[in-house]
Amino acid sequence: ERMKGLGLVECLRQAQGVLTPTFRHPRGGIWHQIDHLFVTQALAPQLVACETGSAERVFGSPCLSDHLPVIATFAV
């Protein structure tokens, strides 16, 4: 809400319509979205898609990461 108050748009939520979990909790489960990509309101209409990277690929590797990447595509 603070970032929204600054006039920024959160790409993943804009594209998916809801908060999307991006973090694997050490105790198991993927519950929280703690990774975000913010853009200005001027750039937000150019957002074509935004999603996370493959949970199977990222979390299936023993040392890759406990965060999913946020991948956004913008119109040129």
C-alpha atoms as a PDB file:
ATOM      1  CA  GLU A   1       0.000   0.000   0.000  1.00  0.00           C
ATOM      2  CA  ARG A   2       2.905   2.373   0.652  1.00  0.00           C
ATOM      3  CA  MET A   3       4.330   1.814  -2.818  1.00  0.00           C
ATOM      4  CA  LYS A   4       0.854   2.281  -4.302  1.00  0.00           C
ATOM      5  CA  GLY A   5       0.666   5.532  -2.359  1.00  0.00           C
ATOM      6  CA  LEU A   6       3.836   6.615  -4.157  1.00  0.00           C
ATOM      7  CA  GLY A   7       2.109   6.003  -7.476  1.00  0.00           C
ATOM      8  CA  LEU A   8       3.793   2.684  -8.259  1.00  0.00           C
ATOM      9  CA  VAL A   9       2.146  -0.473  -9.617  1.00  0.00           C
ATOM     10  CA  GLU A  10       3.169  -3.986  -8.514  1.00  0.00           C
ATOM     11  CA  CYS A  11       3.487  -5.969 -11.765  1.00  0.00           C
ATOM     12  CA  LEU A  12       2.836  -9.494 -10.503  1.00  0.00           C
ATOM     13  CA  ARG A  13      -0.350  -8.528  -8.700  1.00  0.00           C
ATOM     14  CA  GLN A  14      -1.486  -6.408 -11.657  1.00  0.00           C
ATOM     15  CA  ALA A  15      -1.051  -9.325 -14.060  1.00  0.00           C
ATOM     16  CA  GLN A  16      -2.298 -12.146 -11.820  1.00  0.00           C
ATOM     17  CA  GLY A  17      -5.049 -10.247  -9.995  1.00  0.00           C
ATOM     18  CA  VAL A  18      -3.902 -11.541  -6.592  1.00  0.00           C
ATOM     19  CA  LEU A  19      -0.776 -11.796  -4.482  1.00  0.00           C
ATOM     20  CA  THR A  20       1.349 -14.629  -5.850  1.00  0.00           C
ATOM     21  CA  PRO A  21       3.643 -16.592  -3.513  1.00  0.00           C
ATOM     22  CA  THR A  22       7.344 -16.251  -4.402  1.00  0.00           C
ATOM     23  CA  PHE A  23       9.138 -17.524  -1.290  1.00  0.00           C
ATOM     24  CA  ARG A  24       9.656 -21.064  -0.022  1.00  0.00           C
ATOM     25  CA  HIS A  25       9.472 -21.070   3.756  1.00  0.00           C
ATOM     26  CA  PRO A  26      12.244 -23.049   5.499  1.00  0.00           C
ATOM     27  CA  ARG A  27       9.590 -25.131   7.287  1.00  0.00           C
ATOM     28  CA  GLY A  28       8.002 -26.046   3.975  1.00  0.00           C
ATOM     29  CA  GLY A  29       5.378 -24.516   1.757  1.00  0.00           C
ATOM     30  CA  ILE A  30       5.258 -21.508  -0.507  1.00  0.00           C
ATOM     31  CA  TRP A  31       3.017 -18.989   1.249  1.00  0.00           C
ATOM     32  CA  HIS A  32       4.332 -15.472   0.938  1.00  0.00           C
ATOM     33  CA  GLN A  33       4.938 -12.985  -1.825  1.00  0.00           C
ATOM     34  CA  ILE A  34       8.004 -11.114  -0.683  1.00  0.00           C
ATOM     35  CA  ASP A  35       9.474 -10.474  -4.131  1.00  0.00           C
ATOM     36  CA  HIS A  36       8.036  -7.604  -6.114  1.00  0.00           C
ATOM     37  CA  LEU A  37       8.590  -5.628  -9.290  1.00  0.00           C
ATOM     38  CA  PHE A  38       7.220  -2.096  -9.181  1.00  0.00           C
ATOM     39  CA  VAL A  39       6.814   0.244 -12.152  1.00  0.00           C
ATOM     40  CA  THR A  40       5.440   3.716 -12.636  1.00  0.00           C
ATOM     41  CA  GLN A  41       1.820   4.240 -13.606  1.00  0.00           C
ATOM     42  CA  ALA A  42       3.080   5.506 -16.972  1.00  0.00           C
ATOM     43  CA  LEU A  43       4.799   2.160 -17.696  1.00  0.00           C
ATOM     44  CA  ALA A  44       2.090  -0.100 -16.200  1.00  0.00           C
ATOM     45  CA  PRO A  45      -0.178  -0.044 -19.298  1.00  0.00           C
ATOM     46  CA  GLN A  46       2.726  -1.510 -21.291  1.00  0.00           C
ATOM     47  CA  LEU A  47       2.754  -4.620 -19.061  1.00  0.00           C
ATOM     48  CA  VAL A  48       1.910  -7.604 -21.256  1.00  0.00           C
ATOM     49  CA  ALA A  49       2.515 -10.390 -18.728  1.00  0.00           C
ATOM     50  CA  CYS A  50       4.095 -11.019 -15.353  1.00  0.00           C
ATOM     51  CA  GLU A  51       4.661 -14.366 -13.699  1.00  0.00           C
ATOM     52  CA  THR A  52       7.052 -16.260 -11.494  1.00  0.00           C
ATOM     53  CA  GLY A  53       9.715 -18.622 -12.700  1.00  0.00           C
ATOM     54  CA  SER A  54       9.148 -22.358 -12.439  1.00  0.00           C
ATOM     55  CA  ALA A  55       8.776 -23.453  -8.810  1.00  0.00           C
ATOM     56  CA  GLU A  56       9.736 -26.984  -9.826  1.00  0.00           C
ATOM     57  CA  ARG A  57      12.948 -25.820 -11.493  1.00  0.00           C
ATOM     58  CA  VAL A  58      14.000 -23.297  -8.829  1.00  0.00           C
ATOM     59  CA  PHE A  59      12.993 -25.222  -5.714  1.00  0.00           C
ATOM     60  CA  GLY A  60      13.925 -28.596  -7.207  1.00  0.00           C
ATOM     61  CA  SER A  61      17.576 -27.606  -7.269  1.00  0.00           C
ATOM     62  CA  PRO A  62      19.290 -28.025  -3.884  1.00  0.00           C
ATOM     63  CA  CYS A  63      21.120 -24.681  -3.906  1.00  0.00           C
ATOM     64  CA  LEU A  64      19.467 -22.493  -6.530  1.00  0.00           C
ATOM     65  CA  SER A  65      17.270 -20.248  -4.351  1.00  0.00           C
ATOM     66  CA  ASP A  66      14.387 -20.052  -1.909  1.00  0.00           C
ATOM     67  CA  HIS A  67      12.844 -17.237  -3.992  1.00  0.00           C
ATOM     68  CA  LEU A  68      11.106 -17.467  -7.342  1.00  0.00           C
ATOM     69  CA  PRO A  69      12.129 -14.885  -9.935  1.00  0.00           C
ATOM     70  CA  VAL A  70       9.505 -12.386 -11.054  1.00  0.00           C
ATOM     71  CA  ILE A  71       9.472 -12.190 -14.858  1.00  0.00           C
ATOM     72  CA  ALA A  72       7.715  -9.316 -16.601  1.00  0.00           C
ATOM     73  CA  THR A  73       7.135  -8.679 -20.290  1.00  0.00           C
ATOM     74  CA  PHE A  74       6.437  -5.178 -21.577  1.00  0.00           C
ATOM     75  CA  ALA A  75       5.221  -3.997 -24.984  1.00  0.00           C
ATOM     76  CA  VAL A  76       7.789  -2.032 -26.936  1.00  0.00           C
END
